[in-house]
């Protein structure tokens, strides 16, 4: 079975093909970062228009480059949510139209389930059950994954997701969008211990996250350094703030992951989503796993950001479990992952 995957939930157009027994045999990704950078964040209308321009040409190109034709595709998977409604509608409309024209089934995929199963594409993929930390620009969630397509929400962010917090902190420091890679880069030159940022919600029970207070603390620190003169921060000051901010986010996530594994008794952790590419976060979770004799798994680095491969594979898994849907177009900009248990 060859499953075509289409990802258009936000600011990346991802196209890929998953083949039974072979894995991902083709993939292509276009990032809109340069398009949105001058605005300091994603502009939904511009994102939708760019998906319209690129989705079909990218599908044509990936088929042509891999000597495949329409009759070689057995099913189509697309991101149905959560995400930007206009962007989601582009992918859904293309998927449903091609499914009708080619006479193949189509299936809508939850974006975060796609990130989760991307870790299962690694050579040392974990077996169920496990804990999943889904951490991206729009989501920070801890899930207990008891078996395929059966999820229990353990905790989530009550305000900003970790990725959003990185973007906002970067903006405070005058760094370009997206903020995560920029913060991580300059944090390498930061002075340990110069600033001590809070680890929000770690001194109270529970597995929820909150990063809005950390964002405010960062802003107050930046304003304090600027003083009444409003001067620009030096490069070293920016690095020191970035170091303290990243330390706080990473440490908060580590504490919550350890707590989740203690509470559930599960000893396997998957880290997925765009922020999972952060090397400091990976290092801290690796250290924790070694200390507590647990295991942590990550998707391949190129599958951490939004991509078509994770959608194609998630679609394959859903179809293998007998999931079906009609040709009607239905996207869900907001979609709790636990609702997948009802399918």
C-alpha atoms as a PDB file:
ATOM      1  CA  UNK A   1       0.000   0.000   0.000  1.00  0.00           C
ATOM      2  CA  UNK A   2       1.247   3.485  -0.933  1.00  0.00           C
ATOM      3  CA  UNK A   3      -0.226   6.319   1.147  1.00  0.00           C
ATOM      4  CA  UNK A   4       0.167   9.920   0.040  1.00  0.00           C
ATOM      5  CA  UNK A   5       0.465  12.323   2.990  1.00  0.00           C
ATOM      6  CA  UNK A   6      -0.458  16.010   2.839  1.00  0.00           C
ATOM      7  CA  UNK A   7       0.427  18.405   5.666  1.00  0.00           C
ATOM      8  CA  UNK A   8      -0.841  22.010   5.518  1.00  0.00           C
ATOM      9  CA  UNK A   9      -1.786  22.850   9.103  1.00  0.00           C
ATOM     10  CA  UNK A  10       0.296  26.000   9.499  1.00  0.00           C
ATOM     11  CA  UNK A  11       3.399  27.331   7.743  1.00  0.00           C
ATOM     12  CA  UNK A  12       4.901  24.253   6.087  1.00  0.00           C
ATOM     13  CA  UNK A  13       3.650  22.420   3.029  1.00  0.00           C
ATOM     14  CA  UNK A  14       4.653  18.787   3.440  1.00  0.00           C
ATOM     15  CA  UNK A  15       4.119  15.991   0.907  1.00  0.00           C
ATOM     16  CA  UNK A  16       5.310  12.403   1.351  1.00  0.00           C
ATOM     17  CA  UNK A  17       4.553   8.799   0.410  1.00  0.00           C
ATOM     18  CA  UNK A  18       4.637   5.888   2.847  1.00  0.00           C
ATOM     19  CA  UNK A  19       4.913   2.409   1.342  1.00  0.00           C
ATOM     20  CA  UNK A  20       4.164  -0.835   3.170  1.00  0.00           C
ATOM     21  CA  UNK A  21       7.365  -2.686   3.959  1.00  0.00           C
ATOM     22  CA  UNK A  22       9.554   0.109   2.621  1.00  0.00           C
ATOM     23  CA  UNK A  23       8.745   3.060   4.855  1.00  0.00           C
ATOM     24  CA  UNK A  24       8.898   6.629   3.591  1.00  0.00           C
ATOM     25  CA  UNK A  25       9.873   6.356  -0.058  1.00  0.00           C
ATOM     26  CA  UNK A  26       9.463  10.021  -0.998  1.00  0.00           C
ATOM     27  CA  UNK A  27       9.099  13.320   0.820  1.00  0.00           C
ATOM     28  CA  UNK A  28       9.169  17.010   0.078  1.00  0.00           C
ATOM     29  CA  UNK A  29       8.827  20.003   2.395  1.00  0.00           C
ATOM     30  CA  UNK A  30       8.470  23.716   1.768  1.00  0.00           C
ATOM     31  CA  UNK A  31       8.793  26.131   4.686  1.00  0.00           C
ATOM     32  CA  UNK A  32       7.106  29.542   4.726  1.00  0.00           C
ATOM     33  CA  UNK A  33       9.466  30.973   7.352  1.00  0.00           C
ATOM     34  CA  UNK A  34      10.848  33.680   5.075  1.00  0.00           C
ATOM     35  CA  UNK A  35       7.311  34.657   4.054  1.00  0.00           C
ATOM     36  CA  UNK A  36       6.248  35.282   7.663  1.00  0.00           C
ATOM     37  CA  UNK A  37       9.538  36.440   9.197  1.00  0.00           C
ATOM     38  CA  UNK A  38       9.003  40.142   8.550  1.00  0.00           C
ATOM     39  CA  UNK A  39       5.732  39.948  10.516  1.00  0.00           C
ATOM     40  CA  UNK A  40       7.298  38.168  13.491  1.00  0.00           C
ATOM     41  CA  UNK A  41       4.867  35.258  13.260  1.00  0.00           C
ATOM     42  CA  UNK A  42       2.524  33.340  10.986  1.00  0.00           C
ATOM     43  CA  UNK A  43      -0.052  35.388   9.044  1.00  0.00           C
ATOM     44  CA  UNK A  44      -2.956  32.943   8.433  1.00  0.00           C
ATOM     45  CA  UNK A  45      -4.134  34.439   5.143  1.00  0.00           C
ATOM     46  CA  UNK A  46      -0.645  34.404   3.656  1.00  0.00           C
ATOM     47  CA  UNK A  47      -0.145  30.835   4.860  1.00  0.00           C
ATOM     48  CA  UNK A  48      -3.338  29.637   3.180  1.00  0.00           C
ATOM     49  CA  UNK A  49      -2.528  31.355  -0.118  1.00  0.00           C
ATOM     50  CA  UNK A  50       0.947  29.853  -0.195  1.00  0.00           C
ATOM     51  CA  UNK A  51      -0.437  26.352   0.431  1.00  0.00           C
ATOM     52  CA  UNK A  52      -2.798  26.866  -2.524  1.00  0.00           C
ATOM     53  CA  UNK A  53       0.156  27.759  -4.753  1.00  0.00           C
ATOM     54  CA  UNK A  54       2.351  24.862  -3.712  1.00  0.00           C
ATOM     55  CA  UNK A  55       0.368  21.766  -2.717  1.00  0.00           C
ATOM     56  CA  UNK A  56      -0.618  20.381  -6.130  1.00  0.00           C
ATOM     57  CA  UNK A  57       2.693  21.230  -7.857  1.00  0.00           C
ATOM     58  CA  UNK A  58       4.560  19.506  -5.019  1.00  0.00           C
ATOM     59  CA  UNK A  59       2.384  16.393  -5.366  1.00  0.00           C
ATOM     60  CA  UNK A  60       2.996  16.340  -9.134  1.00  0.00           C
ATOM     61  CA  UNK A  61       6.725  16.759  -8.576  1.00  0.00           C
ATOM     62  CA  UNK A  62       7.052  14.021  -5.961  1.00  0.00           C
ATOM     63  CA  UNK A  63       5.195  11.540  -8.177  1.00  0.00           C
ATOM     64  CA  UNK A  64       7.257  12.443 -11.229  1.00  0.00           C
ATOM     65  CA  UNK A  65      10.614  12.319  -9.435  1.00  0.00           C
ATOM     66  CA  UNK A  66       9.834   8.857  -8.048  1.00  0.00           C
ATOM     67  CA  UNK A  67       8.408   7.417 -11.290  1.00  0.00           C
ATOM     68  CA  UNK A  68       4.951   7.057  -9.764  1.00  0.00           C
ATOM     69  CA  UNK A  69       1.540   7.692 -11.266  1.00  0.00           C
ATOM     70  CA  UNK A  70      -1.883   8.294  -9.798  1.00  0.00           C
ATOM     71  CA  UNK A  71      -2.735   4.587 -10.025  1.00  0.00           C
ATOM     72  CA  UNK A  72       0.244   3.809  -7.777  1.00  0.00           C
ATOM     73  CA  UNK A  73      -1.394   5.661  -4.858  1.00  0.00           C
ATOM     74  CA  UNK A  74      -3.731   3.503  -2.753  1.00  0.00           C
ATOM     75  CA  UNK A  75      -4.889   6.097  -0.201  1.00  0.00           C
ATOM     76  CA  UNK A  76      -4.490   9.739   0.791  1.00  0.00           C
ATOM     77  CA  UNK A  77      -3.954  11.079   4.313  1.00  0.00           C
ATOM     78  CA  UNK A  78      -4.192  14.768   5.149  1.00  0.00           C
ATOM     79  CA  UNK A  79      -4.040  16.922   8.251  1.00  0.00           C
ATOM     80  CA  UNK A  80      -7.613  17.629   9.378  1.00  0.00           C
ATOM     81  CA  UNK A  81      -6.645  19.567  12.518  1.00  0.00           C
ATOM     82  CA  UNK A  82      -5.749  21.217  14.719  1.00  0.00           C
ATOM     83  CA  UNK A  83      -4.285  24.196  12.912  1.00  0.00           C
ATOM     84  CA  UNK A  84      -5.185  27.303  10.915  1.00  0.00           C
ATOM     85  CA  UNK A  85      -8.620  26.769   9.391  1.00  0.00           C
ATOM     86  CA  UNK A  86      -7.736  28.197   5.965  1.00  0.00           C
ATOM     87  CA  UNK A  87      -4.540  26.196   5.727  1.00  0.00           C
ATOM     88  CA  UNK A  88      -6.311  23.005   6.801  1.00  0.00           C
ATOM     89  CA  UNK A  89      -9.020  23.537   4.184  1.00  0.00           C
ATOM     90  CA  UNK A  90      -6.418  23.693   1.427  1.00  0.00           C
ATOM     91  CA  UNK A  91      -4.985  20.273   2.282  1.00  0.00           C
ATOM     92  CA  UNK A  92      -8.396  18.725   2.911  1.00  0.00           C
ATOM     93  CA  UNK A  93      -9.821  20.032  -0.368  1.00  0.00           C
ATOM     94  CA  UNK A  94      -6.871  18.749  -2.375  1.00  0.00           C
ATOM     95  CA  UNK A  95      -6.969  15.370  -0.636  1.00  0.00           C
ATOM     96  CA  UNK A  96     -10.700  14.862  -1.129  1.00  0.00           C
ATOM     97  CA  UNK A  97     -10.585  15.991  -4.757  1.00  0.00           C
ATOM     98  CA  UNK A  98      -7.739  13.629  -5.595  1.00  0.00           C
ATOM     99  CA  UNK A  99      -9.406  10.788  -3.675  1.00  0.00           C
ATOM    100  CA  UNK A 100     -12.550  11.240  -5.761  1.00  0.00           C
ATOM    101  CA  UNK A 101     -10.621  11.535  -9.022  1.00  0.00           C
ATOM    102  CA  UNK A 102      -8.341   8.572  -8.315  1.00  0.00           C
ATOM    103  CA  UNK A 103     -10.977   6.374  -6.687  1.00  0.00           C
ATOM    104  CA  UNK A 104      -9.030   5.829  -3.454  1.00  0.00           C
ATOM    105  CA  UNK A 105      -9.903   6.344   0.231  1.00  0.00           C
ATOM    106  CA  UNK A 106      -8.881   9.462   2.124  1.00  0.00           C
ATOM    107  CA  UNK A 107      -8.494   9.964   5.850  1.00  0.00           C
ATOM    108  CA  UNK A 108      -8.073  13.025   8.045  1.00  0.00           C
ATOM    109  CA  UNK A 109      -5.240  12.892  10.577  1.00  0.00           C
ATOM    110  CA  UNK A 110      -4.795  14.679  13.871  1.00  0.00           C
ATOM    111  CA  UNK A 111      -1.677  16.828  13.539  1.00  0.00           C
ATOM    112  CA  UNK A 112      -0.280  15.908  16.957  1.00  0.00           C
ATOM    113  CA  UNK A 113      -0.912  12.206  16.413  1.00  0.00           C
ATOM    114  CA  UNK A 114       1.218  12.621  13.314  1.00  0.00           C
ATOM    115  CA  UNK A 115       4.034  14.048  15.427  1.00  0.00           C
ATOM    116  CA  UNK A 116       3.639  11.208  17.903  1.00  0.00           C
ATOM    117  CA  UNK A 117       3.845   8.386  15.377  1.00  0.00           C
ATOM    118  CA  UNK A 118       6.827  10.046  13.663  1.00  0.00           C
ATOM    119  CA  UNK A 119       8.883   8.647  16.539  1.00  0.00           C
ATOM    120  CA  UNK A 120       7.695   5.169  15.532  1.00  0.00           C
ATOM    121  CA  UNK A 121       9.498   5.617  12.209  1.00  0.00           C
ATOM    122  CA  UNK A 122      12.868   5.538  13.973  1.00  0.00           C
ATOM    123  CA  UNK A 123      14.907   2.335  13.892  1.00  0.00           C
ATOM    124  CA  UNK A 124      14.655   1.895  17.678  1.00  0.00           C
ATOM    125  CA  UNK A 125      10.937   2.686  17.876  1.00  0.00           C
ATOM    126  CA  UNK A 126       9.296   2.006  21.264  1.00  0.00           C
ATOM    127  CA  UNK A 127       6.455  -0.390  21.885  1.00  0.00           C
ATOM    128  CA  UNK A 128       3.230   0.522  23.651  1.00  0.00           C
ATOM    129  CA  UNK A 129       2.533   1.603  26.345  1.00  0.00           C
ATOM    130  CA  UNK A 130       4.559   4.798  26.760  1.00  0.00           C
ATOM    131  CA  UNK A 131       4.360   8.453  27.737  1.00  0.00           C
ATOM    132  CA  UNK A 132       4.386  11.014  24.918  1.00  0.00           C
ATOM    133  CA  UNK A 133       5.501  14.598  25.383  1.00  0.00           C
ATOM    134  CA  UNK A 134       4.049  16.583  22.486  1.00  0.00           C
ATOM    135  CA  UNK A 135       5.773  19.939  22.430  1.00  0.00           C
ATOM    136  CA  UNK A 136       5.467  22.354  19.526  1.00  0.00           C
ATOM    137  CA  UNK A 137       4.588  25.903  18.610  1.00  0.00           C
ATOM    138  CA  UNK A 138       0.943  25.424  19.492  1.00  0.00           C
ATOM    139  CA  UNK A 139       0.882  22.495  21.922  1.00  0.00           C
ATOM    140  CA  UNK A 140       2.545  21.267  25.074  1.00  0.00           C
ATOM    141  CA  UNK A 141       0.910  18.047  26.276  1.00  0.00           C
ATOM    142  CA  UNK A 142       1.756  14.910  28.205  1.00  0.00           C
ATOM    143  CA  UNK A 143      -0.114  11.829  27.000  1.00  0.00           C
ATOM    144  CA  UNK A 144      -0.252   8.277  28.271  1.00  0.00           C
ATOM    145  CA  UNK A 145      -0.394   6.116  25.144  1.00  0.00           C
ATOM    146  CA  UNK A 146      -1.761   2.763  26.268  1.00  0.00           C
ATOM    147  CA  UNK A 147      -2.067   1.266  22.800  1.00  0.00           C
ATOM    148  CA  UNK A 148      -2.430   2.459  19.219  1.00  0.00           C
ATOM    149  CA  UNK A 149      -4.992   5.275  18.983  1.00  0.00           C
ATOM    150  CA  UNK A 150      -5.813   5.154  22.696  1.00  0.00           C
ATOM    151  CA  UNK A 151      -4.660   8.291  24.507  1.00  0.00           C
ATOM    152  CA  UNK A 152      -5.053   9.646  28.027  1.00  0.00           C
ATOM    153  CA  UNK A 153      -4.335  13.329  28.606  1.00  0.00           C
ATOM    154  CA  UNK A 154      -2.142  13.706  31.692  1.00  0.00           C
ATOM    155  CA  UNK A 155      -1.360  17.405  31.483  1.00  0.00           C
ATOM    156  CA  UNK A 156      -1.157  20.333  29.094  1.00  0.00           C
ATOM    157  CA  UNK A 157      -0.272  23.999  28.949  1.00  0.00           C
ATOM    158  CA  UNK A 158      -2.850  26.288  30.508  1.00  0.00           C
ATOM    159  CA  UNK A 159      -1.718  29.235  28.375  1.00  0.00           C
ATOM    160  CA  UNK A 160       1.245  29.549  25.983  1.00  0.00           C
ATOM    161  CA  UNK A 161       2.765  26.408  24.523  1.00  0.00           C
ATOM    162  CA  UNK A 162       6.528  26.011  24.895  1.00  0.00           C
ATOM    163  CA  UNK A 163       7.118  26.880  21.245  1.00  0.00           C
ATOM    164  CA  UNK A 164       5.064  30.063  21.563  1.00  0.00           C
ATOM    165  CA  UNK A 165       7.039  31.029  24.651  1.00  0.00           C
ATOM    166  CA  UNK A 166      10.297  30.603  22.730  1.00  0.00           C
ATOM    167  CA  UNK A 167       8.976  32.809  19.916  1.00  0.00           C
ATOM    168  CA  UNK A 168       7.855  35.551  22.306  1.00  0.00           C
ATOM    169  CA  UNK A 169      11.075  35.495  24.305  1.00  0.00           C
ATOM    170  CA  UNK A 170      13.057  35.768  21.081  1.00  0.00           C
ATOM    171  CA  UNK A 171      10.992  38.782  20.030  1.00  0.00           C
ATOM    172  CA  UNK A 172      11.767  40.470  23.362  1.00  0.00           C
ATOM    173  CA  UNK A 173      15.459  39.985  22.641  1.00  0.00           C
ATOM    174  CA  UNK A 174      15.165  41.326  19.111  1.00  0.00           C
ATOM    175  CA  UNK A 175      15.764  37.923  17.526  1.00  0.00           C
ATOM    176  CA  UNK A 176      14.066  36.827  14.299  1.00  0.00           C
ATOM    177  CA  UNK A 177      11.174  34.384  13.894  1.00  0.00           C
ATOM    178  CA  UNK A 178      11.061  31.454  14.562  1.00  0.00           C
ATOM    179  CA  UNK A 179      12.429  31.997  18.036  1.00  0.00           C
ATOM    180  CA  UNK A 180      13.336  28.484  19.179  1.00  0.00           C
ATOM    181  CA  UNK A 181      16.455  27.933  17.045  1.00  0.00           C
ATOM    182  CA  UNK A 182      17.623  31.524  17.647  1.00  0.00           C
ATOM    183  CA  UNK A 183      17.299  31.221  21.435  1.00  0.00           C
ATOM    184  CA  UNK A 184      19.105  27.869  21.381  1.00  0.00           C
ATOM    185  CA  UNK A 185      21.950  29.263  19.264  1.00  0.00           C
ATOM    186  CA  UNK A 186      22.798  32.322  21.357  1.00  0.00           C
ATOM    187  CA  UNK A 187      22.162  30.460  24.646  1.00  0.00           C
ATOM    188  CA  UNK A 188      25.351  28.507  23.919  1.00  0.00           C
ATOM    189  CA  UNK A 189      27.282  31.706  24.734  1.00  0.00           C
ATOM    190  CA  UNK A 190      25.245  32.477  27.859  1.00  0.00           C
ATOM    191  CA  UNK A 191      26.670  32.765  31.366  1.00  0.00           C
ATOM    192  CA  UNK A 192      25.314  30.042  33.668  1.00  0.00           C
ATOM    193  CA  UNK A 193      23.893  31.377  36.906  1.00  0.00           C
ATOM    194  CA  UNK A 194      23.727  35.061  35.979  1.00  0.00           C
ATOM    195  CA  UNK A 195      19.930  34.932  35.960  1.00  0.00           C
ATOM    196  CA  UNK A 196      17.636  32.494  37.745  1.00  0.00           C
ATOM    197  CA  UNK A 197      14.268  32.167  36.024  1.00  0.00           C
ATOM    198  CA  UNK A 198      11.296  30.411  37.682  1.00  0.00           C
ATOM    199  CA  UNK A 199      10.225  26.844  36.859  1.00  0.00           C
ATOM    200  CA  UNK A 200       6.475  27.455  36.610  1.00  0.00           C
ATOM    201  CA  UNK A 201       3.999  25.054  38.236  1.00  0.00           C
ATOM    202  CA  UNK A 202       6.713  22.664  39.418  1.00  0.00           C
ATOM    203  CA  UNK A 203       6.135  23.390  43.120  1.00  0.00           C
ATOM    204  CA  UNK A 204       2.536  22.237  43.002  1.00  0.00           C
ATOM    205  CA  UNK A 205       1.133  18.793  42.204  1.00  0.00           C
ATOM    206  CA  UNK A 206      -0.135  17.930  38.764  1.00  0.00           C
ATOM    207  CA  UNK A 207       1.201  17.671  35.238  1.00  0.00           C
ATOM    208  CA  UNK A 208      -0.102  20.862  33.654  1.00  0.00           C
ATOM    209  CA  UNK A 209       2.232  23.501  32.231  1.00  0.00           C
ATOM    210  CA  UNK A 210       2.154  27.291  32.233  1.00  0.00           C
ATOM    211  CA  UNK A 211       4.634  29.512  30.435  1.00  0.00           C
ATOM    212  CA  UNK A 212       2.903  32.929  30.592  1.00  0.00           C
ATOM    213  CA  UNK A 213       4.543  33.805  33.917  1.00  0.00           C
ATOM    214  CA  UNK A 214       7.937  32.861  32.543  1.00  0.00           C
ATOM    215  CA  UNK A 215       7.287  35.094  29.562  1.00  0.00           C
ATOM    216  CA  UNK A 216       6.475  38.012  31.915  1.00  0.00           C
ATOM    217  CA  UNK A 217       9.595  37.314  33.984  1.00  0.00           C
ATOM    218  CA  UNK A 218      11.676  37.411  30.814  1.00  0.00           C
ATOM    219  CA  UNK A 219      10.154  40.731  29.766  1.00  0.00           C
ATOM    220  CA  UNK A 220      10.813  42.248  33.201  1.00  0.00           C
ATOM    221  CA  UNK A 221      14.427  41.028  33.059  1.00  0.00           C
ATOM    222  CA  UNK A 222      14.935  42.552  29.604  1.00  0.00           C
ATOM    223  CA  UNK A 223      13.353  45.848  30.672  1.00  0.00           C
ATOM    224  CA  UNK A 224      15.500  45.892  33.798  1.00  0.00           C
ATOM    225  CA  UNK A 225      18.644  45.521  31.716  1.00  0.00           C
ATOM    226  CA  UNK A 226      17.547  48.272  29.359  1.00  0.00           C
ATOM    227  CA  UNK A 227      16.930  50.640  32.259  1.00  0.00           C
ATOM    228  CA  UNK A 228      15.358  54.048  31.882  1.00  0.00           C
ATOM    229  CA  UNK A 229      17.550  54.882  28.919  1.00  0.00           C
ATOM    230  CA  UNK A 230      15.937  52.134  26.852  1.00  0.00           C
ATOM    231  CA  UNK A 231      19.321  51.120  25.463  1.00  0.00           C
ATOM    232  CA  UNK A 232      19.711  47.973  23.387  1.00  0.00           C
ATOM    233  CA  UNK A 233      20.970  44.878  25.146  1.00  0.00           C
ATOM    234  CA  UNK A 234      24.518  43.785  24.432  1.00  0.00           C
ATOM    235  CA  UNK A 235      25.052  40.478  22.678  1.00  0.00           C
ATOM    236  CA  UNK A 236      26.279  38.960  25.958  1.00  0.00           C
ATOM    237  CA  UNK A 237      23.206  40.162  27.847  1.00  0.00           C
ATOM    238  CA  UNK A 238      20.966  38.632  25.199  1.00  0.00           C
ATOM    239  CA  UNK A 239      22.880  35.350  25.441  1.00  0.00           C
ATOM    240  CA  UNK A 240      22.604  35.342  29.239  1.00  0.00           C
ATOM    241  CA  UNK A 241      18.833  35.926  29.145  1.00  0.00           C
ATOM    242  CA  UNK A 242      18.420  33.278  26.426  1.00  0.00           C
ATOM    243  CA  UNK A 243      20.431  30.796  28.503  1.00  0.00           C
ATOM    244  CA  UNK A 244      18.313  31.373  31.616  1.00  0.00           C
ATOM    245  CA  UNK A 245      15.063  31.217  29.660  1.00  0.00           C
ATOM    246  CA  UNK A 246      15.954  27.994  27.878  1.00  0.00           C
ATOM    247  CA  UNK A 247      17.161  26.449  31.149  1.00  0.00           C
ATOM    248  CA  UNK A 248      13.837  27.252  32.781  1.00  0.00           C
ATOM    249  CA  UNK A 249      11.749  25.766  29.957  1.00  0.00           C
ATOM    250  CA  UNK A 250      13.882  22.651  29.624  1.00  0.00           C
ATOM    251  CA  UNK A 251      14.026  22.059  33.371  1.00  0.00           C
ATOM    252  CA  UNK A 252      10.264  22.520  33.713  1.00  0.00           C
ATOM    253  CA  UNK A 253       9.614  19.971  30.976  1.00  0.00           C
ATOM    254  CA  UNK A 254      12.089  17.512  32.524  1.00  0.00           C
ATOM    255  CA  UNK A 255      10.430  17.766  35.938  1.00  0.00           C
ATOM    256  CA  UNK A 256       6.972  17.193  34.485  1.00  0.00           C
ATOM    257  CA  UNK A 257       8.125  14.226  32.405  1.00  0.00           C
ATOM    258  CA  UNK A 258       9.753  12.596  35.417  1.00  0.00           C
ATOM    259  CA  UNK A 259       6.604  13.183  37.436  1.00  0.00           C
ATOM    260  CA  UNK A 260       4.400  11.676  34.699  1.00  0.00           C
ATOM    261  CA  UNK A 261       6.509   8.539  34.548  1.00  0.00           C
ATOM    262  CA  UNK A 262       6.514   8.204  38.328  1.00  0.00           C
ATOM    263  CA  UNK A 263       2.737   8.571  38.502  1.00  0.00           C
ATOM    264  CA  UNK A 264       1.959   6.140  35.688  1.00  0.00           C
ATOM    265  CA  UNK A 265       4.741   3.628  36.287  1.00  0.00           C
ATOM    266  CA  UNK A 266       5.645   3.728  32.589  1.00  0.00           C
ATOM    267  CA  UNK A 267       9.347   3.732  31.771  1.00  0.00           C
ATOM    268  CA  UNK A 268       9.323   4.764  28.093  1.00  0.00           C
ATOM    269  CA  UNK A 269       9.011   8.360  26.904  1.00  0.00           C
ATOM    270  CA  UNK A 270       8.538   9.709  23.378  1.00  0.00           C
ATOM    271  CA  UNK A 271       9.420  13.338  22.683  1.00  0.00           C
ATOM    272  CA  UNK A 272       7.712  14.710  19.576  1.00  0.00           C
ATOM    273  CA  UNK A 273       6.913  18.038  17.916  1.00  0.00           C
ATOM    274  CA  UNK A 274       9.034  20.923  16.707  1.00  0.00           C
ATOM    275  CA  UNK A 275      10.592  21.722  20.094  1.00  0.00           C
ATOM    276  CA  UNK A 276      11.826  18.112  20.282  1.00  0.00           C
ATOM    277  CA  UNK A 277      14.680  19.215  18.011  1.00  0.00           C
ATOM    278  CA  UNK A 278      16.106  21.339  20.853  1.00  0.00           C
ATOM    279  CA  UNK A 279      19.450  19.721  21.700  1.00  0.00           C
ATOM    280  CA  UNK A 280      19.506  20.927  25.309  1.00  0.00           C
ATOM    281  CA  UNK A 281      16.078  19.417  25.951  1.00  0.00           C
ATOM    282  CA  UNK A 282      17.208  16.120  24.439  1.00  0.00           C
ATOM    283  CA  UNK A 283      20.357  16.113  26.534  1.00  0.00           C
ATOM    284  CA  UNK A 284      18.454  16.825  29.745  1.00  0.00           C
ATOM    285  CA  UNK A 285      15.896  14.090  29.100  1.00  0.00           C
ATOM    286  CA  UNK A 286      18.656  11.643  28.156  1.00  0.00           C
ATOM    287  CA  UNK A 287      20.413  12.361  31.456  1.00  0.00           C
ATOM    288  CA  UNK A 288      17.170  11.853  33.352  1.00  0.00           C
ATOM    289  CA  UNK A 289      16.498   8.571  31.566  1.00  0.00           C
ATOM    290  CA  UNK A 290      19.931   7.233  32.440  1.00  0.00           C
ATOM    291  CA  UNK A 291      19.577   8.307  36.061  1.00  0.00           C
ATOM    292  CA  UNK A 292      16.196   6.620  36.499  1.00  0.00           C
ATOM    293  CA  UNK A 293      16.863   3.610  34.233  1.00  0.00           C
ATOM    294  CA  UNK A 294      14.248   4.641  31.703  1.00  0.00           C
ATOM    295  CA  UNK A 295      14.212   5.042  27.949  1.00  0.00           C
ATOM    296  CA  UNK A 296      13.535   8.102  25.825  1.00  0.00           C
ATOM    297  CA  UNK A 297      12.850   8.130  22.086  1.00  0.00           C
ATOM    298  CA  UNK A 298      12.849  10.872  19.462  1.00  0.00           C
ATOM    299  CA  UNK A 299      11.753  11.163  15.834  1.00  0.00           C
ATOM    300  CA  UNK A 300      14.560  11.593  13.303  1.00  0.00           C
ATOM    301  CA  UNK A 301      15.572  15.275  13.355  1.00  0.00           C
ATOM    302  CA  UNK A 302      14.140  15.991   9.911  1.00  0.00           C
ATOM    303  CA  UNK A 303      10.744  14.704  11.097  1.00  0.00           C
ATOM    304  CA  UNK A 304      10.545  16.945  14.173  1.00  0.00           C
ATOM    305  CA  UNK A 305       9.046  19.892  12.314  1.00  0.00           C
ATOM    306  CA  UNK A 306       5.729  19.648  10.471  1.00  0.00           C
ATOM    307  CA  UNK A 307       6.068  17.264   7.527  1.00  0.00           C
ATOM    308  CA  UNK A 308       4.105  15.056   5.168  1.00  0.00           C
ATOM    309  CA  UNK A 309       5.858  11.844   6.208  1.00  0.00           C
ATOM    310  CA  UNK A 310       4.266  11.779   9.650  1.00  0.00           C
ATOM    311  CA  UNK A 311       0.825  12.314   8.109  1.00  0.00           C
ATOM    312  CA  UNK A 312       1.333   9.580   5.507  1.00  0.00           C
ATOM    313  CA  UNK A 313       2.437   7.098   8.185  1.00  0.00           C
ATOM    314  CA  UNK A 314      -0.345   8.065  10.588  1.00  0.00           C
ATOM    315  CA  UNK A 315      -2.806   7.590   7.721  1.00  0.00           C
ATOM    316  CA  UNK A 316      -1.382   4.166   6.961  1.00  0.00           C
ATOM    317  CA  UNK A 317      -1.785   3.118  10.607  1.00  0.00           C
ATOM    318  CA  UNK A 318      -5.363   4.380  10.731  1.00  0.00           C
ATOM    319  CA  UNK A 319      -6.299   2.607   7.514  1.00  0.00           C
ATOM    320  CA  UNK A 320      -4.711  -0.616   8.767  1.00  0.00           C
ATOM    321  CA  UNK A 321      -6.993  -0.435  11.792  1.00  0.00           C
ATOM    322  CA  UNK A 322     -10.043  -0.117   9.556  1.00  0.00           C
ATOM    323  CA  UNK A 323     -10.712   3.598   9.926  1.00  0.00           C
ATOM    324  CA  UNK A 324     -12.733   5.116   7.084  1.00  0.00           C
ATOM    325  CA  UNK A 325     -14.419   8.415   6.270  1.00  0.00           C
ATOM    326  CA  UNK A 326     -16.602   9.981   3.584  1.00  0.00           C
ATOM    327  CA  UNK A 327     -15.569  12.443   0.892  1.00  0.00           C
ATOM    328  CA  UNK A 328     -17.082  15.385   2.763  1.00  0.00           C
ATOM    329  CA  UNK A 329     -14.633  18.121   3.736  1.00  0.00           C
ATOM    330  CA  UNK A 330     -14.464  18.577   7.493  1.00  0.00           C
ATOM    331  CA  UNK A 331     -11.536  20.222   9.285  1.00  0.00           C
ATOM    332  CA  UNK A 332     -11.141  20.951  12.984  1.00  0.00           C
ATOM    333  CA  UNK A 333      -8.974  23.954  13.923  1.00  0.00           C
ATOM    334  CA  UNK A 334      -9.417  22.921  17.566  1.00  0.00           C
ATOM    335  CA  UNK A 335      -9.375  19.200  18.211  1.00  0.00           C
ATOM    336  CA  UNK A 336      -8.578  17.592  21.578  1.00  0.00           C
ATOM    337  CA  UNK A 337      -6.454  14.540  20.935  1.00  0.00           C
ATOM    338  CA  UNK A 338      -8.399  12.479  23.464  1.00  0.00           C
ATOM    339  CA  UNK A 339     -11.411  12.643  21.146  1.00  0.00           C
ATOM    340  CA  UNK A 340      -9.553  10.239  18.856  1.00  0.00           C
ATOM    341  CA  UNK A 341     -10.426   7.491  21.328  1.00  0.00           C
ATOM    342  CA  UNK A 342     -14.024   7.674  20.133  1.00  0.00           C
ATOM    343  CA  UNK A 343     -13.171   6.880  16.510  1.00  0.00           C
END
